[in-house]
Amino acid sequence: MNFILSCIKGIAIGAGAILPGISSGVLCVIFGIYEKLLDSVLNFFKDVKNNMKFLLPILIGTSIGIIVFGNLLRFLFNNFTTRNNVLFYRNNYRRNSNFN
């Protein structure tokens, strides 16, 4: 169960890496894994077995999140260009319009 929960957290972190306006680091802090993640990466070779048990599900989930949400964004930008441009670049439209 812990493996699946860590994969789900990794998926959210991967989504934060690819989606605009969402920070992966903030998601790590919210999930309460930021310090342990840094410690596991920085001291990886001191305790390889435990660090791999912690990092592997997060890395799997992050990879899944980046692939899934990257493809989702590509689909949305290709098929709904105007709506996405207004959503993500709204301030540019306001500045350049005559309706201010």
Protein backbone atom coordinates (compact mmCIF):
# COMPACT_ATOMS: atom_id res chain seq x y z
CA MET A 1 0.00 0.00 0.00
CA ASN A 2 2.87 2.37 0.79
CA PHE A 3 4.37 1.70 -2.66
CA ILE A 4 1.10 2.64 -4.39
CA LEU A 5 0.69 5.77 -2.26
CA SER A 6 4.25 6.84 -3.08
CA CYS A 7 3.58 6.26 -6.80
CA ILE A 8 0.46 8.44 -6.58
CA LYS A 9 2.49 11.18 -4.90
CA GLY A 10 5.06 10.80 -7.67
CA ILE A 11 2.37 11.18 -10.32
CA ALA A 12 1.26 14.45 -8.71
CA ILE A 13 4.89 15.63 -8.54
CA GLY A 14 5.34 14.75 -12.23
CA ALA A 15 2.18 16.66 -13.07
CA GLY A 16 3.58 19.62 -11.14
CA ALA A 17 6.73 19.44 -13.22
CA ILE A 18 4.85 19.64 -16.52
CA LEU A 19 1.78 21.78 -15.77
CA PRO A 20 2.22 25.56 -15.74
CA GLY A 21 1.77 27.27 -12.39
CA ILE A 22 2.32 24.18 -10.25
CA SER A 23 5.61 23.59 -8.46
CA SER A 24 6.92 20.09 -7.83
CA GLY A 25 8.88 21.32 -4.82
CA VAL A 26 5.77 22.77 -3.21
CA LEU A 27 3.95 19.48 -3.80
CA CYS A 28 6.82 17.63 -2.08
CA VAL A 29 6.46 19.95 0.92
CA ILE A 30 2.68 19.46 0.98
CA PHE A 31 3.10 15.67 0.86
CA GLY A 32 5.71 15.86 3.64
CA ILE A 33 8.47 14.16 1.65
CA TYR A 34 10.68 17.12 0.72
CA GLU A 35 13.37 16.68 3.42
CA LYS A 36 13.47 12.89 3.10
CA LEU A 37 13.68 13.22 -0.69
CA LEU A 38 16.63 15.60 -0.46
CA ASP A 39 18.32 13.44 2.15
CA SER A 40 17.84 10.31 0.04
CA VAL A 41 19.30 11.95 -3.05
CA LEU A 42 22.21 13.69 -1.31
CA ASN A 43 23.18 10.65 0.78
CA PHE A 44 22.23 8.01 -1.75
CA PHE A 45 25.36 5.87 -1.41
CA LYS A 46 25.34 5.81 2.39
CA ASP A 47 22.24 3.59 2.47
CA VAL A 48 21.47 2.51 -1.09
CA LYS A 49 18.86 -0.13 -0.22
CA ASN A 50 16.61 2.12 1.90
CA ASN A 51 17.08 5.09 -0.41
CA MET A 52 16.05 2.98 -3.42
CA LYS A 53 13.00 1.71 -1.53
CA PHE A 54 11.99 5.33 -0.97
CA LEU A 55 12.99 6.84 -4.32
CA LEU A 56 11.91 4.11 -6.76
CA PRO A 57 8.11 4.48 -6.40
CA ILE A 58 8.41 8.27 -6.51
CA LEU A 59 10.54 8.09 -9.66
CA ILE A 60 8.11 5.65 -11.30
CA GLY A 61 5.16 7.88 -10.42
CA THR A 62 6.98 11.03 -11.57
CA SER A 63 7.76 9.42 -14.91
CA ILE A 64 4.13 8.37 -15.34
CA GLY A 65 2.93 11.86 -14.39
CA ILE A 66 5.24 13.61 -16.83
CA ILE A 67 4.27 11.29 -19.70
CA VAL A 68 0.51 11.38 -19.03
CA PHE A 69 0.18 15.10 -18.35
CA GLY A 70 2.63 16.00 -21.12
CA ASN A 71 0.49 14.10 -23.62
CA LEU A 72 -2.66 15.63 -22.15
CA LEU A 73 -1.26 19.14 -22.57
CA ARG A 74 -0.16 18.37 -26.13
CA PHE A 75 -3.65 17.12 -26.96
CA LEU A 76 -5.31 20.17 -25.41
CA PHE A 77 -3.00 22.66 -27.12
CA ASN A 78 -3.39 20.94 -30.50
CA ASN A 79 -7.18 20.59 -30.36
CA PHE A 80 -8.28 23.62 -28.32
CA THR A 81 -5.71 26.23 -29.28
CA THR A 82 -7.75 29.39 -28.78
CA ARG A 83 -9.20 28.36 -25.43
CA ASN A 84 -5.79 27.38 -24.09
CA ASN A 85 -4.15 30.54 -25.36
CA VAL A 86 -6.76 32.62 -23.56
CA LEU A 87 -6.37 30.50 -20.42
CA PHE A 88 -2.57 30.57 -20.26
CA TYR A 89 -1.84 33.88 -21.96
CA ARG A 90 -4.84 35.86 -20.75
CA ASN A 91 -2.84 38.86 -19.54
CA ASN A 92 -1.23 39.31 -22.95
CA TYR A 93 -4.66 39.42 -24.57
CA ARG A 94 -5.81 42.06 -22.08
CA ARG A 95 -2.78 44.27 -22.64
CA ASN A 96 -2.98 44.12 -26.41
CA SER A 97 -6.74 44.53 -26.79
CA ASN A 98 -8.64 47.78 -27.35
CA PHE A 99 -11.19 46.90 -24.66
CA ASN A 100 -9.09 47.87 -21.60
